[in-house]
Amino acid sequence: MINPIFEVNLIRLQRELEQAGLPIVGLSTADGTKATVRFDFSPDVTDEQRVQAANILKVHAPITAEDKRREAYAQKGITDTTMILALWEQIVEGKPEKVQAIQVMKQQIDNEFPLNKIEAQNK
């Protein structure tokens, strides 16, 4: 189950900062809120980069649509194992019913939790 209490996913936030080319060396938060995030930059950080990091933090989402999709897939029983077995039945045994059923459930979930532009690019 996804924990909705935290406003910040430090691992994801660090990756976002690194992908933006910012000289980040570490992050911390006292209580999981954006207000208590502490940025640890390399000594050559510029004021503009500090502002850019603050802006990235403002729009940071600790739980993404991709996370919600994965949780919904699991709740519907769509696991790697069920998909592999369904594919086996379709390809080897000529039985497409399970693949088709999984595809219908997956499409419903994907429609319920559409990916934003950044998530779609990272897929």
N, C-alpha and C. Protein backbone atom coordinates (compact mmCIF):
# COMPACT_ATOMS: atom_id res chain seq x y z
N MET A 1 0.84 -1.19 0.00
CA MET A 1 0.00 0.00 0.00
C MET A 1 0.88 1.24 0.00
N ILE A 2 0.56 2.19 -0.83
CA ILE A 2 1.30 3.44 -0.91
C ILE A 2 0.99 4.28 0.32
N ASN A 3 2.05 4.82 0.94
CA ASN A 3 1.87 5.66 2.13
C ASN A 3 1.65 7.11 1.70
N PRO A 4 0.43 7.65 1.83
CA PRO A 4 0.14 9.00 1.36
C PRO A 4 0.55 10.09 2.34
N ILE A 5 1.16 9.73 3.48
CA ILE A 5 1.49 10.71 4.50
C ILE A 5 2.64 11.62 4.07
N PHE A 6 3.63 11.07 3.43
CA PHE A 6 4.82 11.84 3.10
C PHE A 6 4.62 12.72 1.87
N GLU A 7 5.11 13.95 1.96
CA GLU A 7 5.05 14.88 0.84
C GLU A 7 6.26 14.73 -0.08
N VAL A 8 7.28 14.01 0.40
CA VAL A 8 8.54 13.92 -0.33
C VAL A 8 9.01 12.47 -0.39
N ASN A 9 9.42 12.06 -1.58
CA ASN A 9 10.11 10.79 -1.77
C ASN A 9 11.55 11.19 -2.07
N LEU A 10 12.43 11.07 -1.07
CA LEU A 10 13.79 11.58 -1.21
C LEU A 10 14.57 10.93 -2.34
N ILE A 11 14.38 9.65 -2.54
CA ILE A 11 15.09 8.97 -3.63
C ILE A 11 14.65 9.53 -4.98
N ARG A 12 13.34 9.66 -5.16
CA ARG A 12 12.81 10.19 -6.41
C ARG A 12 13.23 11.66 -6.58
N LEU A 13 13.16 12.45 -5.51
CA LEU A 13 13.54 13.87 -5.59
C LEU A 13 15.02 14.01 -5.96
N GLN A 14 15.87 13.20 -5.36
CA GLN A 14 17.30 13.29 -5.70
C GLN A 14 17.51 12.97 -7.18
N ARG A 15 16.81 11.95 -7.66
CA ARG A 15 16.92 11.59 -9.09
C ARG A 15 16.46 12.75 -9.97
N GLU A 16 15.36 13.41 -9.59
CA GLU A 16 14.85 14.56 -10.37
C GLU A 16 15.87 15.68 -10.39
N LEU A 17 16.51 15.94 -9.26
CA LEU A 17 17.52 17.00 -9.18
C LEU A 17 18.75 16.65 -10.02
N GLU A 18 19.16 15.40 -9.94
CA GLU A 18 20.31 14.94 -10.74
C GLU A 18 20.01 15.01 -12.23
N GLN A 19 18.78 14.61 -12.61
CA GLN A 19 18.40 14.65 -14.03
C GLN A 19 18.38 16.09 -14.55
N ALA A 20 18.15 17.04 -13.66
CA ALA A 20 18.16 18.45 -14.05
C ALA A 20 19.59 18.99 -14.11
N GLY A 21 20.57 18.15 -13.77
CA GLY A 21 21.97 18.56 -13.84
C GLY A 21 22.43 19.38 -12.64
N LEU A 22 21.70 19.32 -11.55
CA LEU A 22 22.06 20.10 -10.37
C LEU A 22 23.12 19.36 -9.55
N PRO A 23 24.04 20.12 -8.93
CA PRO A 23 25.13 19.50 -8.17
C PRO A 23 24.72 19.08 -6.76
N ILE A 24 23.78 18.17 -6.67
CA ILE A 24 23.24 17.73 -5.39
C ILE A 24 24.08 16.56 -4.87
N VAL A 25 24.41 16.59 -3.58
CA VAL A 25 25.13 15.47 -2.97
C VAL A 25 24.26 14.70 -1.99
N GLY A 26 23.21 15.33 -1.50
CA GLY A 26 22.34 14.63 -0.57
C GLY A 26 21.12 15.44 -0.21
N LEU A 27 20.16 14.76 0.38
CA LEU A 27 18.90 15.37 0.81
C LEU A 27 18.52 14.78 2.15
N SER A 28 17.74 15.54 2.90
CA SER A 28 17.15 15.00 4.13
C SER A 28 15.87 15.75 4.42
N THR A 29 15.05 15.15 5.26
CA THR A 29 13.83 15.81 5.71
C THR A 29 13.58 15.35 7.14
N ALA A 30 13.15 16.27 7.97
CA ALA A 30 12.92 15.94 9.38
C ALA A 30 11.65 15.12 9.57
N ASP A 31 10.63 15.41 8.76
CA ASP A 31 9.33 14.78 9.01
C ASP A 31 8.58 14.36 7.75
N GLY A 32 9.26 14.34 6.61
CA GLY A 32 8.61 13.92 5.37
C GLY A 32 7.85 15.03 4.67
N THR A 33 7.95 16.27 5.16
CA THR A 33 7.26 17.38 4.52
C THR A 33 8.23 18.18 3.65
N LYS A 34 7.67 18.87 2.67
CA LYS A 34 8.50 19.71 1.80
C LYS A 34 9.15 20.84 2.58
N ALA A 35 8.47 21.32 3.62
CA ALA A 35 8.98 22.45 4.40
C ALA A 35 10.29 22.12 5.10
N THR A 36 10.54 20.85 5.39
CA THR A 36 11.75 20.51 6.14
C THR A 36 12.84 19.88 5.27
N VAL A 37 12.70 19.91 3.96
CA VAL A 37 13.72 19.33 3.09
C VAL A 37 14.98 20.19 3.16
N ARG A 38 16.08 19.49 3.34
CA ARG A 38 17.38 20.16 3.35
C ARG A 38 18.17 19.65 2.15
N PHE A 39 18.65 20.60 1.32
CA PHE A 39 19.46 20.26 0.16
C PHE A 39 20.93 20.33 0.56
N ASP A 40 21.70 19.34 0.21
CA ASP A 40 23.15 19.39 0.37
C ASP A 40 23.76 19.41 -1.03
N PHE A 41 24.31 20.56 -1.37
CA PHE A 41 24.89 20.76 -2.70
C PHE A 41 26.41 20.67 -2.63
N SER A 42 27.01 20.45 -3.79
CA SER A 42 28.46 20.56 -3.87
C SER A 42 28.82 22.04 -3.74
N PRO A 43 30.06 22.35 -3.35
CA PRO A 43 30.42 23.75 -3.08
C PRO A 43 30.27 24.70 -4.27
N ASP A 44 30.26 24.17 -5.49
CA ASP A 44 30.19 25.05 -6.66
C ASP A 44 28.77 25.39 -7.10
N VAL A 45 27.77 25.12 -6.28
CA VAL A 45 26.39 25.42 -6.63
C VAL A 45 26.19 26.92 -6.80
N THR A 46 25.37 27.27 -7.77
CA THR A 46 25.07 28.69 -8.01
C THR A 46 23.72 29.04 -7.38
N ASP A 47 23.47 30.34 -7.24
CA ASP A 47 22.18 30.78 -6.72
C ASP A 47 21.04 30.35 -7.65
N GLU A 48 21.29 30.39 -8.95
CA GLU A 48 20.27 29.97 -9.92
C GLU A 48 19.94 28.49 -9.75
N GLN A 49 20.96 27.68 -9.47
CA GLN A 49 20.73 26.26 -9.26
C GLN A 49 19.95 26.00 -7.98
N ARG A 50 20.19 26.80 -6.96
CA ARG A 50 19.42 26.68 -5.72
C ARG A 50 17.94 26.99 -5.98
N VAL A 51 17.69 28.03 -6.77
CA VAL A 51 16.31 28.38 -7.12
C VAL A 51 15.68 27.27 -7.94
N GLN A 52 16.44 26.71 -8.88
CA GLN A 52 15.93 25.62 -9.70
C GLN A 52 15.57 24.41 -8.83
N ALA A 53 16.40 24.11 -7.85
CA ALA A 53 16.12 22.99 -6.94
C ALA A 53 14.83 23.25 -6.14
N ALA A 54 14.67 24.48 -5.67
CA ALA A 54 13.45 24.83 -4.92
C ALA A 54 12.22 24.68 -5.80
N ASN A 55 12.34 25.05 -7.06
CA ASN A 55 11.21 24.92 -7.99
C ASN A 55 10.88 23.45 -8.28
N ILE A 56 11.91 22.63 -8.38
CA ILE A 56 11.69 21.20 -8.59
C ILE A 56 10.98 20.62 -7.37
N LEU A 57 11.38 21.05 -6.18
CA LEU A 57 10.73 20.58 -4.95
C LEU A 57 9.25 20.97 -4.93
N LYS A 58 8.94 22.18 -5.38
CA LYS A 58 7.54 22.65 -5.37
C LYS A 58 6.63 21.72 -6.16
N VAL A 59 7.10 21.23 -7.30
CA VAL A 59 6.25 20.40 -8.16
C VAL A 59 6.47 18.90 -7.95
N HIS A 60 7.38 18.56 -7.06
CA HIS A 60 7.69 17.15 -6.78
C HIS A 60 6.45 16.40 -6.29
N ALA A 61 6.25 15.22 -6.86
CA ALA A 61 5.14 14.35 -6.45
C ALA A 61 5.73 13.06 -5.88
N PRO A 62 5.52 12.80 -4.58
CA PRO A 62 6.11 11.60 -4.00
C PRO A 62 5.47 10.31 -4.51
N ILE A 63 4.22 10.40 -4.91
CA ILE A 63 3.50 9.24 -5.44
C ILE A 63 3.04 9.60 -6.85
N THR A 64 3.50 8.86 -7.82
CA THR A 64 3.19 9.16 -9.21
C THR A 64 2.05 8.28 -9.71
N ALA A 65 1.57 8.61 -10.89
CA ALA A 65 0.54 7.78 -11.52
C ALA A 65 1.08 6.37 -11.76
N GLU A 66 2.36 6.28 -12.08
CA GLU A 66 2.97 4.96 -12.29
C GLU A 66 2.90 4.13 -11.00
N ASP A 67 3.18 4.76 -9.86
CA ASP A 67 3.07 4.06 -8.57
C ASP A 67 1.63 3.58 -8.35
N LYS A 68 0.68 4.45 -8.64
CA LYS A 68 -0.74 4.11 -8.44
C LYS A 68 -1.15 2.98 -9.38
N ARG A 69 -0.64 3.02 -10.60
CA ARG A 69 -0.93 1.94 -11.55
C ARG A 69 -0.42 0.60 -11.03
N ARG A 70 0.83 0.58 -10.58
CA ARG A 70 1.42 -0.67 -10.10
C ARG A 70 0.62 -1.24 -8.93
N GLU A 71 0.20 -0.36 -8.03
CA GLU A 71 -0.60 -0.83 -6.90
C GLU A 71 -1.95 -1.38 -7.37
N ALA A 72 -2.57 -0.69 -8.32
CA ALA A 72 -3.86 -1.15 -8.84
C ALA A 72 -3.71 -2.47 -9.59
N TYR A 73 -2.61 -2.63 -10.37
CA TYR A 73 -2.38 -3.90 -11.05
C TYR A 73 -2.32 -5.03 -10.03
N ALA A 74 -1.55 -4.81 -8.97
CA ALA A 74 -1.40 -5.86 -7.95
C ALA A 74 -2.74 -6.18 -7.29
N GLN A 75 -3.54 -5.16 -7.02
CA GLN A 75 -4.85 -5.39 -6.40
C GLN A 75 -5.76 -6.20 -7.32
N LYS A 76 -5.59 -6.06 -8.62
CA LYS A 76 -6.40 -6.83 -9.59
C LYS A 76 -5.78 -8.19 -9.90
N GLY A 77 -4.62 -8.48 -9.28
CA GLY A 77 -3.98 -9.76 -9.51
C GLY A 77 -3.10 -9.79 -10.75
N ILE A 78 -2.79 -8.62 -11.29
CA ILE A 78 -1.92 -8.55 -12.47
C ILE A 78 -0.48 -8.49 -11.96
N THR A 79 0.17 -9.64 -11.96
CA THR A 79 1.56 -9.74 -11.53
C THR A 79 2.40 -10.23 -12.69
N ASP A 80 3.71 -10.19 -12.50
CA ASP A 80 4.60 -10.72 -13.54
C ASP A 80 4.25 -12.17 -13.83
N THR A 81 4.00 -12.94 -12.78
CA THR A 81 3.69 -14.36 -12.94
C THR A 81 2.40 -14.58 -13.72
N THR A 82 1.34 -13.83 -13.37
CA THR A 82 0.08 -14.03 -14.09
C THR A 82 0.22 -13.62 -15.55
N MET A 83 1.00 -12.58 -15.82
CA MET A 83 1.19 -12.17 -17.21
C MET A 83 2.00 -13.21 -17.99
N ILE A 84 3.02 -13.76 -17.37
CA ILE A 84 3.84 -14.78 -18.04
C ILE A 84 3.00 -16.02 -18.34
N LEU A 85 2.22 -16.45 -17.36
CA LEU A 85 1.38 -17.62 -17.58
C LEU A 85 0.33 -17.37 -18.66
N ALA A 86 -0.24 -16.16 -18.67
CA ALA A 86 -1.24 -15.82 -19.69
C ALA A 86 -0.59 -15.81 -21.08
N LEU A 87 0.60 -15.26 -21.17
CA LEU A 87 1.31 -15.26 -22.46
C LEU A 87 1.63 -16.69 -22.90
N TRP A 88 2.06 -17.52 -21.95
CA TRP A 88 2.34 -18.93 -22.27
C TRP A 88 1.10 -19.59 -22.86
N GLU A 89 -0.02 -19.37 -22.18
CA GLU A 89 -1.26 -19.98 -22.67
C GLU A 89 -1.61 -19.47 -24.06
N GLN A 90 -1.38 -18.19 -24.30
CA GLN A 90 -1.71 -17.64 -25.62
C GLN A 90 -0.76 -18.17 -26.69
N ILE A 91 0.54 -18.10 -26.45
CA ILE A 91 1.53 -18.44 -27.48
C ILE A 91 1.67 -19.95 -27.67
N VAL A 92 1.80 -20.68 -26.58
CA VAL A 92 2.07 -22.11 -26.68
C VAL A 92 0.79 -22.93 -26.83
N GLU A 93 -0.23 -22.54 -26.05
CA GLU A 93 -1.44 -23.35 -26.03
C GLU A 93 -2.56 -22.80 -26.92
N GLY A 94 -2.34 -21.62 -27.47
CA GLY A 94 -3.35 -21.03 -28.35
C GLY A 94 -4.60 -20.55 -27.63
N LYS A 95 -4.48 -20.22 -26.34
CA LYS A 95 -5.62 -19.76 -25.54
C LYS A 95 -5.41 -18.28 -25.18
N PRO A 96 -6.03 -17.36 -25.91
CA PRO A 96 -5.80 -15.94 -25.66
C PRO A 96 -6.67 -15.30 -24.58
N GLU A 97 -7.57 -16.06 -23.98
CA GLU A 97 -8.57 -15.48 -23.07
C GLU A 97 -7.94 -14.73 -21.89
N LYS A 98 -6.93 -15.30 -21.26
CA LYS A 98 -6.33 -14.64 -20.09
C LYS A 98 -5.58 -13.37 -20.48
N VAL A 99 -4.87 -13.40 -21.60
CA VAL A 99 -4.18 -12.19 -22.07
C VAL A 99 -5.20 -11.09 -22.35
N GLN A 100 -6.29 -11.46 -22.99
CA GLN A 100 -7.33 -10.47 -23.30
C GLN A 100 -7.95 -9.90 -22.03
N ALA A 101 -8.19 -10.73 -21.04
CA ALA A 101 -8.77 -10.27 -19.78
C ALA A 101 -7.81 -9.33 -19.04
N ILE A 102 -6.53 -9.70 -19.04
CA ILE A 102 -5.54 -8.83 -18.40
C ILE A 102 -5.45 -7.50 -19.13
N GLN A 103 -5.50 -7.52 -20.44
CA GLN A 103 -5.41 -6.29 -21.22
C GLN A 103 -6.58 -5.36 -20.92
N VAL A 104 -7.76 -5.90 -20.78
CA VAL A 104 -8.94 -5.08 -20.45
C VAL A 104 -8.75 -4.42 -19.09
N MET A 105 -8.33 -5.20 -18.07
CA MET A 105 -8.12 -4.63 -16.73
C MET A 105 -7.00 -3.60 -16.75
N LYS A 106 -5.91 -3.91 -17.46
CA LYS A 106 -4.78 -2.99 -17.53
C LYS A 106 -5.19 -1.67 -18.19
N GLN A 107 -5.95 -1.74 -19.25
CA GLN A 107 -6.39 -0.52 -19.93
C GLN A 107 -7.29 0.32 -19.04
N GLN A 108 -8.17 -0.32 -18.28
CA GLN A 108 -9.03 0.42 -17.35
C GLN A 108 -8.19 1.15 -16.30
N ILE A 109 -7.18 0.46 -15.76
CA ILE A 109 -6.29 1.07 -14.77
C ILE A 109 -5.48 2.20 -15.39
N ASP A 110 -4.95 1.97 -16.58
CA ASP A 110 -4.15 3.01 -17.25
C ASP A 110 -5.00 4.25 -17.53
N ASN A 111 -6.26 4.07 -17.86
CA ASN A 111 -7.15 5.20 -18.09
C ASN A 111 -7.46 5.94 -16.79
N GLU A 112 -7.55 5.18 -15.70
CA GLU A 112 -7.84 5.79 -14.39
C GLU A 112 -6.66 6.61 -13.88
N PHE A 113 -5.44 6.16 -14.19
CA PHE A 113 -4.23 6.84 -13.72
C PHE A 113 -3.33 7.19 -14.91
N PRO A 114 -3.70 8.21 -15.69
CA PRO A 114 -2.89 8.57 -16.85
C PRO A 114 -1.53 9.12 -16.42
N LEU A 115 -0.51 8.78 -17.18
CA LEU A 115 0.83 9.27 -16.88
C LEU A 115 0.95 10.72 -17.28
N ASN A 116 1.70 11.48 -16.47
CA ASN A 116 1.98 12.85 -16.89
C ASN A 116 3.10 12.81 -17.92
N LYS A 117 3.43 13.95 -18.48
CA LYS A 117 4.40 14.04 -19.56
C LYS A 117 5.75 13.45 -19.17
N ILE A 118 6.23 13.76 -17.98
CA ILE A 118 7.55 13.28 -17.53
C ILE A 118 7.54 11.78 -17.32
N GLU A 119 6.48 11.26 -16.70
CA GLU A 119 6.40 9.82 -16.49
C GLU A 119 6.35 9.07 -17.82
N ALA A 120 5.61 9.60 -18.76
CA ALA A 120 5.52 8.94 -20.07
C ALA A 120 6.87 8.91 -20.77
N GLN A 121 7.65 9.98 -20.63
CA GLN A 121 8.98 10.01 -21.23
C GLN A 121 9.94 9.01 -20.58
N ASN A 122 9.75 8.77 -19.28
CA ASN A 122 10.65 7.87 -18.55
C ASN A 122 10.26 6.41 -18.66
N LYS A 123 9.13 6.11 -19.30
CA LYS A 123 8.67 4.72 -19.45
C LYS A 123 9.51 3.97 -20.43
